[in-house]
């Protein structure tokens, strides 16, 4: 069983390529939703990958399986519009820094 799932999100059909990530329609609602997921421990880490606003986003989520991850993320105001899930993969953590490192 994996420790976490990695969720890769890419721009969806409503993504406006002339604007930055924080300028997309509905940014405040999306950001609030994601902050709540982090506060509840569902999202362990998350953010854009690549220079600037990034080419895609990666979420490390703590949930049992892909179906549960997709179901929870379906409530995102950006789901399947501004962002779409490209992949969900299990991630087993084998290496970890010692506490306080």
PDB file of N, CA and C in Angstrom:
ATOM      1  N   UNK A   1       0.836  -1.183   0.000  1.00  0.00           N
ATOM      2  CA  UNK A   1       0.000   0.000   0.000  1.00  0.00           C
ATOM      3  C   UNK A   1       0.882   1.248   0.000  1.00  0.00           C
ATOM      4  N   UNK A   2       0.556   2.206  -0.840  1.00  0.00           N
ATOM      5  CA  UNK A   2       1.331   3.435  -0.959  1.00  0.00           C
ATOM      6  C   UNK A   2       1.113   4.341   0.248  1.00  0.00           C
ATOM      7  N   UNK A   3       2.110   5.165   0.531  1.00  0.00           N
ATOM      8  CA  UNK A   3       1.989   6.138   1.613  1.00  0.00           C
ATOM      9  C   UNK A   3       1.074   7.291   1.223  1.00  0.00           C
ATOM     10  N   UNK A   4       1.178   7.715  -0.035  1.00  0.00           N
ATOM     11  CA  UNK A   4       0.416   8.860  -0.544  1.00  0.00           C
ATOM     12  C   UNK A   4       0.031   8.600  -2.000  1.00  0.00           C
ATOM     13  N   UNK A   5      -0.783   9.494  -2.520  1.00  0.00           N
ATOM     14  CA  UNK A   5      -1.058   9.528  -3.956  1.00  0.00           C
ATOM     15  C   UNK A   5      -0.543  10.843  -4.498  1.00  0.00           C
ATOM     16  N   UNK A   6       0.002  10.805  -5.704  1.00  0.00           N
ATOM     17  CA  UNK A   6       0.441  12.011  -6.410  1.00  0.00           C
ATOM     18  C   UNK A   6      -0.599  12.331  -7.469  1.00  0.00           C
ATOM     19  N   UNK A   7      -1.152  13.534  -7.386  1.00  0.00           N
ATOM     20  CA  UNK A   7      -2.170  13.968  -8.337  1.00  0.00           C
ATOM     21  C   UNK A   7      -1.568  15.068  -9.206  1.00  0.00           C
ATOM     22  N   UNK A   8      -1.548  14.815 -10.494  1.00  0.00           N
ATOM     23  CA  UNK A   8      -1.020  15.790 -11.449  1.00  0.00           C
ATOM     24  C   UNK A   8      -2.200  16.470 -12.150  1.00  0.00           C
ATOM     25  N   UNK A   9      -2.274  17.800 -11.982  1.00  0.00           N
ATOM     26  CA  UNK A   9      -3.310  18.611 -12.627  1.00  0.00           C
ATOM     27  C   UNK A   9      -2.702  19.440 -13.743  1.00  0.00           C
ATOM     28  N   UNK A  10      -3.392  19.515 -14.852  1.00  0.00           N
ATOM     29  CA  UNK A  10      -2.957  20.309 -16.000  1.00  0.00           C
ATOM     30  C   UNK A  10      -4.060  21.298 -16.362  1.00  0.00           C
ATOM     31  N   UNK A  11      -3.733  22.330 -17.139  1.00  0.00           N
ATOM     32  CA  UNK A  11      -4.772  23.274 -17.548  1.00  0.00           C
ATOM     33  C   UNK A  11      -5.928  22.572 -18.257  1.00  0.00           C
ATOM     34  N   UNK A  12      -7.140  22.965 -17.891  1.00  0.00           N
ATOM     35  CA  UNK A  12      -8.342  22.406 -18.499  1.00  0.00           C
ATOM     36  C   UNK A  12      -8.867  23.298 -19.614  1.00  0.00           C
ATOM     37  N   UNK A  13     -10.041  22.980 -20.138  1.00  0.00           N
ATOM     38  CA  UNK A  13     -10.584  23.710 -21.285  1.00  0.00           C
ATOM     39  C   UNK A  13     -10.907  25.173 -20.996  1.00  0.00           C
ATOM     40  N   UNK A  14     -11.132  25.538 -19.730  1.00  0.00           N
ATOM     41  CA  UNK A  14     -11.453  26.932 -19.400  1.00  0.00           C
ATOM     42  C   UNK A  14     -10.217  27.744 -19.001  1.00  0.00           C
ATOM     43  N   UNK A  15      -9.037  27.120 -19.043  1.00  0.00           N
ATOM     44  CA  UNK A  15      -7.797  27.834 -18.696  1.00  0.00           C
ATOM     45  C   UNK A  15      -7.558  28.931 -19.716  1.00  0.00           C
ATOM     46  N   UNK A  16      -7.330  30.144 -19.239  1.00  0.00           N
ATOM     47  CA  UNK A  16      -7.028  31.286 -20.099  1.00  0.00           C
ATOM     48  C   UNK A  16      -5.507  31.441 -20.160  1.00  0.00           C
ATOM     49  N   UNK A  17      -4.906  31.054 -21.278  1.00  0.00           N
ATOM     50  CA  UNK A  17      -3.448  31.061 -21.417  1.00  0.00           C
ATOM     51  C   UNK A  17      -2.853  32.460 -21.446  1.00  0.00           C
ATOM     52  N   UNK A  18      -3.684  33.492 -21.554  1.00  0.00           N
ATOM     53  CA  UNK A  18      -3.185  34.867 -21.524  1.00  0.00           C
ATOM     54  C   UNK A  18      -3.037  35.389 -20.096  1.00  0.00           C
ATOM     55  N   UNK A  19      -3.439  34.580 -19.098  1.00  0.00           N
ATOM     56  CA  UNK A  19      -3.411  35.011 -17.699  1.00  0.00           C
ATOM     57  C   UNK A  19      -2.580  34.048 -16.859  1.00  0.00           C
ATOM     58  N   UNK A  20      -2.073  34.582 -15.756  1.00  0.00           N
ATOM     59  CA  UNK A  20      -1.349  33.764 -14.800  1.00  0.00           C
ATOM     60  C   UNK A  20      -2.296  32.920 -13.963  1.00  0.00           C
ATOM     61  N   UNK A  21      -1.727  32.031 -13.204  1.00  0.00           N
ATOM     62  CA  UNK A  21      -2.523  31.107 -12.376  1.00  0.00           C
ATOM     63  C   UNK A  21      -3.463  31.856 -11.438  1.00  0.00           C
ATOM     64  N   UNK A  22      -2.958  32.849 -10.734  1.00  0.00           N
ATOM     65  CA  UNK A  22      -3.775  33.584  -9.766  1.00  0.00           C
ATOM     66  C   UNK A  22      -4.733  34.571 -10.425  1.00  0.00           C
ATOM     67  N   UNK A  23      -4.641  34.717 -11.721  1.00  0.00           N
ATOM     68  CA  UNK A  23      -5.547  35.604 -12.460  1.00  0.00           C
ATOM     69  C   UNK A  23      -6.676  34.834 -13.151  1.00  0.00           C
ATOM     70  N   UNK A  24      -6.661  33.512 -13.042  1.00  0.00           N
ATOM     71  CA  UNK A  24      -7.703  32.700 -13.680  1.00  0.00           C
ATOM     72  C   UNK A  24      -9.047  32.953 -13.007  1.00  0.00           C
ATOM     73  N   UNK A  25     -10.120  32.806 -13.756  1.00  0.00           N
ATOM     74  CA  UNK A  25     -11.474  32.980 -13.213  1.00  0.00           C
ATOM     75  C   UNK A  25     -11.699  32.010 -12.054  1.00  0.00           C
ATOM     76  N   UNK A  26     -12.218  32.518 -10.963  1.00  0.00           N
ATOM     77  CA  UNK A  26     -12.535  31.682  -9.817  1.00  0.00           C
ATOM     78  C   UNK A  26     -11.355  31.341  -8.926  1.00  0.00           C
ATOM     79  N   UNK A  27     -10.243  32.089  -9.060  1.00  0.00           N
ATOM     80  CA  UNK A  27      -9.052  31.794  -8.267  1.00  0.00           C
ATOM     81  C   UNK A  27      -9.357  31.772  -6.768  1.00  0.00           C
ATOM     82  N   UNK A  28     -10.061  32.766  -6.253  1.00  0.00           N
ATOM     83  CA  UNK A  28     -10.292  32.853  -4.811  1.00  0.00           C
ATOM     84  C   UNK A  28     -11.034  31.630  -4.284  1.00  0.00           C
ATOM     85  N   UNK A  29     -12.045  31.172  -4.992  1.00  0.00           N
ATOM     86  CA  UNK A  29     -12.810  29.995  -4.562  1.00  0.00           C
ATOM     87  C   UNK A  29     -11.932  28.741  -4.617  1.00  0.00           C
ATOM     88  N   UNK A  30     -11.138  28.609  -5.672  1.00  0.00           N
ATOM     89  CA  UNK A  30     -10.228  27.459  -5.803  1.00  0.00           C
ATOM     90  C   UNK A  30      -9.205  27.477  -4.670  1.00  0.00           C
ATOM     91  N   UNK A  31      -8.579  28.633  -4.431  1.00  0.00           N
ATOM     92  CA  UNK A  31      -7.554  28.739  -3.391  1.00  0.00           C
ATOM     93  C   UNK A  31      -8.144  28.417  -2.017  1.00  0.00           C
ATOM     94  N   UNK A  32      -9.337  28.899  -1.741  1.00  0.00           N
ATOM     95  CA  UNK A  32      -9.996  28.625  -0.473  1.00  0.00           C
ATOM     96  C   UNK A  32     -10.266  27.122  -0.312  1.00  0.00           C
ATOM     97  N   UNK A  33     -10.707  26.486  -1.376  1.00  0.00           N
ATOM     98  CA  UNK A  33     -10.961  25.044  -1.356  1.00  0.00           C
ATOM     99  C   UNK A  33      -9.668  24.281  -1.071  1.00  0.00           C
ATOM    100  N   UNK A  34      -8.601  24.644  -1.755  1.00  0.00           N
ATOM    101  CA  UNK A  34      -7.332  23.946  -1.578  1.00  0.00           C
ATOM    102  C   UNK A  34      -6.769  24.181  -0.177  1.00  0.00           C
ATOM    103  N   UNK A  35      -6.889  25.402   0.341  1.00  0.00           N
ATOM    104  CA  UNK A  35      -6.442  25.686   1.704  1.00  0.00           C
ATOM    105  C   UNK A  35      -7.185  24.805   2.711  1.00  0.00           C
ATOM    106  N   UNK A  36      -8.477  24.608   2.502  1.00  0.00           N
ATOM    107  CA  UNK A  36      -9.270  23.766   3.394  1.00  0.00           C
ATOM    108  C   UNK A  36      -8.807  22.311   3.325  1.00  0.00           C
ATOM    109  N   UNK A  37      -8.458  21.832   2.127  1.00  0.00           N
ATOM    110  CA  UNK A  37      -7.956  20.457   1.992  1.00  0.00           C
ATOM    111  C   UNK A  37      -6.633  20.279   2.725  1.00  0.00           C
ATOM    112  N   UNK A  38      -5.791  21.309   2.681  1.00  0.00           N
ATOM    113  CA  UNK A  38      -4.518  21.249   3.402  1.00  0.00           C
ATOM    114  C   UNK A  38      -4.767  21.280   4.915  1.00  0.00           C
ATOM    115  N   UNK A  39      -5.690  22.122   5.355  1.00  0.00           N
ATOM    116  CA  UNK A  39      -5.992  22.224   6.786  1.00  0.00           C
ATOM    117  C   UNK A  39      -6.529  20.912   7.345  1.00  0.00           C
ATOM    118  N   UNK A  40      -7.284  20.170   6.550  1.00  0.00           N
ATOM    119  CA  UNK A  40      -7.833  18.898   7.031  1.00  0.00           C
ATOM    120  C   UNK A  40      -6.851  17.740   6.875  1.00  0.00           C
ATOM    121  N   UNK A  41      -5.697  17.983   6.233  1.00  0.00           N
ATOM    122  CA  UNK A  41      -4.682  16.951   6.079  1.00  0.00           C
ATOM    123  C   UNK A  41      -4.827  16.091   4.837  1.00  0.00           C
ATOM    124  N   UNK A  42      -5.815  16.388   4.010  1.00  0.00           N
ATOM    125  CA  UNK A  42      -5.973  15.644   2.758  1.00  0.00           C
ATOM    126  C   UNK A  42      -4.813  15.966   1.817  1.00  0.00           C
ATOM    127  N   UNK A  43      -4.512  17.253   1.634  1.00  0.00           N
ATOM    128  CA  UNK A  43      -3.351  17.674   0.841  1.00  0.00           C
ATOM    129  C   UNK A  43      -2.184  17.854   1.801  1.00  0.00           C
ATOM    130  N   UNK A  44      -1.112  17.081   1.563  1.00  0.00           N
ATOM    131  CA  UNK A  44       0.087  17.143   2.385  1.00  0.00           C
ATOM    132  C   UNK A  44       1.031  18.209   1.830  1.00  0.00           C
ATOM    133  N   UNK A  45       1.180  18.232   0.528  1.00  0.00           N
ATOM    134  CA  UNK A  45       2.003  19.211  -0.194  1.00  0.00           C
ATOM    135  C   UNK A  45       1.303  19.502  -1.512  1.00  0.00           C
ATOM    136  N   UNK A  46       1.530  20.678  -2.042  1.00  0.00           N
ATOM    137  CA  UNK A  46       0.949  20.968  -3.349  1.00  0.00           C
ATOM    138  C   UNK A  46       1.456  22.275  -3.912  1.00  0.00           C
ATOM    139  N   UNK A  47       1.484  22.346  -5.242  1.00  0.00           N
ATOM    140  CA  UNK A  47       1.880  23.581  -5.896  1.00  0.00           C
ATOM    141  C   UNK A  47       2.298  23.350  -7.329  1.00  0.00           C
ATOM    142  N   UNK A  48       2.565  24.468  -8.015  1.00  0.00           N
ATOM    143  CA  UNK A  48       2.955  24.379  -9.419  1.00  0.00           C
ATOM    144  C   UNK A  48       4.371  23.818  -9.581  1.00  0.00           C
ATOM    145  N   UNK A  49       4.592  23.109 -10.687  1.00  0.00           N
ATOM    146  CA  UNK A  49       5.892  22.533 -11.016  1.00  0.00           C
ATOM    147  C   UNK A  49       6.399  23.218 -12.279  1.00  0.00           C
ATOM    148  N   UNK A  50       7.614  23.730 -12.211  1.00  0.00           N
ATOM    149  CA  UNK A  50       8.193  24.436 -13.348  1.00  0.00           C
ATOM    150  C   UNK A  50       8.401  25.900 -13.002  1.00  0.00           C
ATOM    151  N   UNK A  51       9.047  26.606 -13.878  1.00  0.00           N
ATOM    152  CA  UNK A  51       9.346  28.017 -13.653  1.00  0.00           C
ATOM    153  C   UNK A  51       8.068  28.858 -13.641  1.00  0.00           C
ATOM    154  N   UNK A  52       8.115  29.967 -12.926  1.00  0.00           N
ATOM    155  CA  UNK A  52       6.982  30.883 -12.884  1.00  0.00           C
ATOM    156  C   UNK A  52       5.746  30.223 -12.304  1.00  0.00           C
ATOM    157  N   UNK A  53       4.662  30.270 -13.059  1.00  0.00           N
ATOM    158  CA  UNK A  53       3.403  29.661 -12.627  1.00  0.00           C
ATOM    159  C   UNK A  53       3.392  28.149 -12.802  1.00  0.00           C
ATOM    160  N   UNK A  54       4.421  27.608 -13.402  1.00  0.00           N
ATOM    161  CA  UNK A  54       4.519  26.166 -13.595  1.00  0.00           C
ATOM    162  C   UNK A  54       3.736  25.672 -14.790  1.00  0.00           C
ATOM    163  N   UNK A  55       4.129  24.516 -15.277  1.00  0.00           N
ATOM    164  CA  UNK A  55       3.459  23.885 -16.414  1.00  0.00           C
ATOM    165  C   UNK A  55       2.260  23.058 -15.963  1.00  0.00           C
ATOM    166  N   UNK A  56       2.319  22.569 -14.719  1.00  0.00           N
ATOM    167  CA  UNK A  56       1.246  21.766 -14.146  1.00  0.00           C
ATOM    168  C   UNK A  56       1.362  21.873 -12.632  1.00  0.00           C
ATOM    169  N   UNK A  57       0.400  21.324 -11.904  1.00  0.00           N
ATOM    170  CA  UNK A  57       0.506  21.293 -10.452  1.00  0.00           C
ATOM    171  C   UNK A  57       0.588  19.850  -9.988  1.00  0.00           C
ATOM    172  N   UNK A  58       1.220  19.673  -8.863  1.00  0.00           N
ATOM    173  CA  UNK A  58       1.351  18.355  -8.265  1.00  0.00           C
ATOM    174  C   UNK A  58       0.846  18.446  -6.833  1.00  0.00           C
ATOM    175  N   UNK A  59      -0.038  17.531  -6.478  1.00  0.00           N
ATOM    176  CA  UNK A  59      -0.545  17.421  -5.117  1.00  0.00           C
ATOM    177  C   UNK A  59      -0.092  16.091  -4.539  1.00  0.00           C
ATOM    178  N   UNK A  60       0.373  16.114  -3.312  1.00  0.00           N
ATOM    179  CA  UNK A  60       0.631  14.902  -2.551  1.00  0.00           C
ATOM    180  C   UNK A  60      -0.554  14.791  -1.601  1.00  0.00           C
ATOM    181  N   UNK A  61      -1.358  13.749  -1.777  1.00  0.00           N
ATOM    182  CA  UNK A  61      -2.566  13.620  -0.971  1.00  0.00           C
ATOM    183  C   UNK A  61      -2.513  12.363  -0.117  1.00  0.00           C
ATOM    184  N   UNK A  62      -3.134  12.465   1.039  1.00  0.00           N
ATOM    185  CA  UNK A  62      -3.206  11.360   1.978  1.00  0.00           C
ATOM    186  C   UNK A  62      -4.635  10.828   1.975  1.00  0.00           C
ATOM    187  N   UNK A  63      -4.834   9.747   1.229  1.00  0.00           N
ATOM    188  CA  UNK A  63      -6.156   9.152   1.063  1.00  0.00           C
ATOM    189  C   UNK A  63      -5.966   7.694   0.674  1.00  0.00           C
ATOM    190  N   UNK A  64      -6.995   6.884   0.863  1.00  0.00           N
ATOM    191  CA  UNK A  64      -6.864   5.440   0.633  1.00  0.00           C
ATOM    192  C   UNK A  64      -6.603   5.043  -0.806  1.00  0.00           C
ATOM    193  N   UNK A  65      -7.342   5.624  -1.745  1.00  0.00           N
ATOM    194  CA  UNK A  65      -7.225   5.153  -3.119  1.00  0.00           C
ATOM    195  C   UNK A  65      -7.572   6.249  -4.120  1.00  0.00           C
ATOM    196  N   UNK A  66      -7.349   5.940  -5.385  1.00  0.00           N
ATOM    197  CA  UNK A  66      -7.570   6.911  -6.455  1.00  0.00           C
ATOM    198  C   UNK A  66      -9.018   7.377  -6.516  1.00  0.00           C
ATOM    199  N   UNK A  67      -9.960   6.472  -6.338  1.00  0.00           N
ATOM    200  CA  UNK A  67     -11.377   6.851  -6.403  1.00  0.00           C
ATOM    201  C   UNK A  67     -11.713   7.877  -5.328  1.00  0.00           C
ATOM    202  N   UNK A  68     -11.186   7.695  -4.121  1.00  0.00           N
ATOM    203  CA  UNK A  68     -11.428   8.645  -3.035  1.00  0.00           C
ATOM    204  C   UNK A  68     -10.781   9.998  -3.338  1.00  0.00           C
ATOM    205  N   UNK A  69      -9.582   9.971  -3.916  1.00  0.00           N
ATOM    206  CA  UNK A  69      -8.908  11.219  -4.275  1.00  0.00           C
ATOM    207  C   UNK A  69      -9.706  11.977  -5.327  1.00  0.00           C
ATOM    208  N   UNK A  70     -10.118  11.279  -6.368  1.00  0.00           N
ATOM    209  CA  UNK A  70     -10.892  11.924  -7.437  1.00  0.00           C
ATOM    210  C   UNK A  70     -12.233  12.449  -6.925  1.00  0.00           C
ATOM    211  N   UNK A  71     -12.874  11.704  -6.055  1.00  0.00           N
ATOM    212  CA  UNK A  71     -14.169  12.139  -5.514  1.00  0.00           C
ATOM    213  C   UNK A  71     -14.017  13.415  -4.698  1.00  0.00           C
ATOM    214  N   UNK A  72     -12.995  13.483  -3.864  1.00  0.00           N
ATOM    215  CA  UNK A  72     -12.784  14.679  -3.030  1.00  0.00           C
ATOM    216  C   UNK A  72     -12.411  15.880  -3.888  1.00  0.00           C
ATOM    217  N   UNK A  73     -11.570  15.688  -4.886  1.00  0.00           N
ATOM    218  CA  UNK A  73     -11.125  16.792  -5.739  1.00  0.00           C
ATOM    219  C   UNK A  73     -12.206  17.233  -6.724  1.00  0.00           C
ATOM    220  N   UNK A  74     -13.233  16.433  -6.916  1.00  0.00           N
ATOM    221  CA  UNK A  74     -14.339  16.809  -7.805  1.00  0.00           C
ATOM    222  C   UNK A  74     -15.108  18.013  -7.272  1.00  0.00           C
ATOM    223  N   UNK A  75     -14.968  18.313  -5.982  1.00  0.00           N
ATOM    224  CA  UNK A  75     -15.649  19.465  -5.383  1.00  0.00           C
ATOM    225  C   UNK A  75     -14.906  20.776  -5.611  1.00  0.00           C
ATOM    226  N   UNK A  76     -13.701  20.706  -6.165  1.00  0.00           N
ATOM    227  CA  UNK A  76     -12.917  21.910  -6.462  1.00  0.00           C
ATOM    228  C   UNK A  76     -13.678  22.761  -7.482  1.00  0.00           C
ATOM    229  N   UNK A  77     -13.847  24.061  -7.229  1.00  0.00           N
ATOM    230  CA  UNK A  77     -14.516  24.916  -8.211  1.00  0.00           C
ATOM    231  C   UNK A  77     -13.849  24.912  -9.594  1.00  0.00           C
ATOM    232  N   UNK A  78     -12.599  24.536  -9.665  1.00  0.00           N
ATOM    233  CA  UNK A  78     -11.876  24.485 -10.941  1.00  0.00           C
ATOM    234  C   UNK A  78     -11.924  23.107 -11.592  1.00  0.00           C
ATOM    235  N   UNK A  79     -12.517  22.125 -10.931  1.00  0.00           N
ATOM    236  CA  UNK A  79     -12.486  20.738 -11.413  1.00  0.00           C
ATOM    237  C   UNK A  79     -13.074  20.613 -12.815  1.00  0.00           C
ATOM    238  N   UNK A  80     -12.280  20.040 -13.705  1.00  0.00           N
ATOM    239  CA  UNK A  80     -12.668  19.748 -15.089  1.00  0.00           C
ATOM    240  C   UNK A  80     -13.000  20.982 -15.917  1.00  0.00           C
ATOM    241  N   UNK A  81     -12.660  22.153 -15.403  1.00  0.00           N
ATOM    242  CA  UNK A  81     -12.849  23.394 -16.163  1.00  0.00           C
ATOM    243  C   UNK A  81     -11.502  24.085 -16.310  1.00  0.00           C
ATOM    244  N   UNK A  82     -11.082  24.786 -15.266  1.00  0.00           N
ATOM    245  CA  UNK A  82      -9.794  25.477 -15.304  1.00  0.00           C
ATOM    246  C   UNK A  82      -8.653  24.471 -15.159  1.00  0.00           C
ATOM    247  N   UNK A  83      -8.859  23.455 -14.353  1.00  0.00           N
ATOM    248  CA  UNK A  83      -7.875  22.381 -14.189  1.00  0.00           C
ATOM    249  C   UNK A  83      -8.534  21.039 -14.444  1.00  0.00           C
ATOM    250  N   UNK A  84      -7.719  20.102 -14.887  1.00  0.00           N
ATOM    251  CA  UNK A  84      -8.205  18.727 -15.003  1.00  0.00           C
ATOM    252  C   UNK A  84      -7.119  17.791 -14.486  1.00  0.00           C
ATOM    253  N   UNK A  85      -7.552  16.703 -13.905  1.00  0.00           N
ATOM    254  CA  UNK A  85      -6.605  15.705 -13.400  1.00  0.00           C
ATOM    255  C   UNK A  85      -6.058  14.919 -14.578  1.00  0.00           C
ATOM    256  N   UNK A  86      -4.738  14.941 -14.709  1.00  0.00           N
ATOM    257  CA  UNK A  86      -4.087  14.174 -15.767  1.00  0.00           C
ATOM    258  C   UNK A  86      -3.745  12.769 -15.286  1.00  0.00           C
ATOM    259  N   UNK A  87      -3.320  12.668 -14.018  1.00  0.00           N
ATOM    260  CA  UNK A  87      -2.964  11.348 -13.503  1.00  0.00           C
ATOM    261  C   UNK A  87      -3.035  11.323 -11.983  1.00  0.00           C
ATOM    262  N   UNK A  88      -3.242  10.123 -11.469  1.00  0.00           N
ATOM    263  CA  UNK A  88      -3.183   9.853 -10.030  1.00  0.00           C
ATOM    264  C   UNK A  88      -2.342   8.592  -9.875  1.00  0.00           C
ATOM    265  N   UNK A  89      -1.242   8.713  -9.127  1.00  0.00           N
ATOM    266  CA  UNK A  89      -0.327   7.584  -8.988  1.00  0.00           C
ATOM    267  C   UNK A  89       0.012   7.342  -7.525  1.00  0.00           C
ATOM    268  N   UNK A  90       0.148   6.085  -7.129  1.00  0.00           N
ATOM    269  CA  UNK A  90       0.578   5.786  -5.763  1.00  0.00           C
ATOM    270  C   UNK A  90       2.050   6.147  -5.582  1.00  0.00           C
ATOM    271  N   UNK A  91       2.389   6.610  -4.373  1.00  0.00           N
ATOM    272  CA  UNK A  91       3.769   6.979  -4.071  1.00  0.00           C
ATOM    273  C   UNK A  91       4.140   6.364  -2.730  1.00  0.00           C
ATOM    274  N   UNK A  92       5.132   5.512  -2.751  1.00  0.00           N
ATOM    275  CA  UNK A  92       5.668   4.913  -1.528  1.00  0.00           C
ATOM    276  C   UNK A  92       6.933   5.661  -1.152  1.00  0.00           C
ATOM    277  N   UNK A  93       6.947   6.230   0.020  1.00  0.00           N
ATOM    278  CA  UNK A  93       8.099   7.001   0.490  1.00  0.00           C
ATOM    279  C   UNK A  93       9.086   6.052   1.153  1.00  0.00           C
ATOM    280  N   UNK A  94      10.257   5.951   0.573  1.00  0.00           N
ATOM    281  CA  UNK A  94      11.305   5.081   1.107  1.00  0.00           C
ATOM    282  C   UNK A  94      12.380   5.866   1.850  1.00  0.00           C
ATOM    283  N   UNK A  95      12.551   7.118   1.476  1.00  0.00           N
ATOM    284  CA  UNK A  95      13.567   7.958   2.113  1.00  0.00           C
ATOM    285  C   UNK A  95      12.897   9.166   2.731  1.00  0.00           C
ATOM    286  N   UNK A  96      13.376   9.525   3.886  1.00  0.00           N
ATOM    287  CA  UNK A  96      12.795  10.659   4.610  1.00  0.00           C
ATOM    288  C   UNK A  96      13.899  11.262   5.474  1.00  0.00           C
ATOM    289  N   UNK A  97      14.002  12.591   5.485  1.00  0.00           N
ATOM    290  CA  UNK A  97      14.984  13.259   6.346  1.00  0.00           C
ATOM    291  C   UNK A  97      14.608  13.025   7.801  1.00  0.00           C
ATOM    292  N   UNK A  98      15.622  12.990   8.642  1.00  0.00           N
ATOM    293  CA  UNK A  98      15.366  12.848  10.069  1.00  0.00           C
ATOM    294  C   UNK A  98      14.648  14.104  10.576  1.00  0.00           C
ATOM    295  N   UNK A  99      13.853  13.967  11.617  1.00  0.00           N
ATOM    296  CA  UNK A  99      13.141  15.117  12.187  1.00  0.00           C
ATOM    297  C   UNK A  99      14.144  16.218  12.539  1.00  0.00           C
ATOM    298  N   UNK A 100      13.756  17.449  12.201  1.00  0.00           N
ATOM    299  CA  UNK A 100      14.585  18.588  12.516  1.00  0.00           C
ATOM    300  C   UNK A 100      15.692  18.846  11.524  1.00  0.00           C
ATOM    301  N   UNK A 101      15.774  18.043  10.477  1.00  0.00           N
ATOM    302  CA  UNK A 101      16.862  18.214   9.506  1.00  0.00           C
ATOM    303  C   UNK A 101      16.561  19.345   8.550  1.00  0.00           C
TER     304      UNK A 101
END
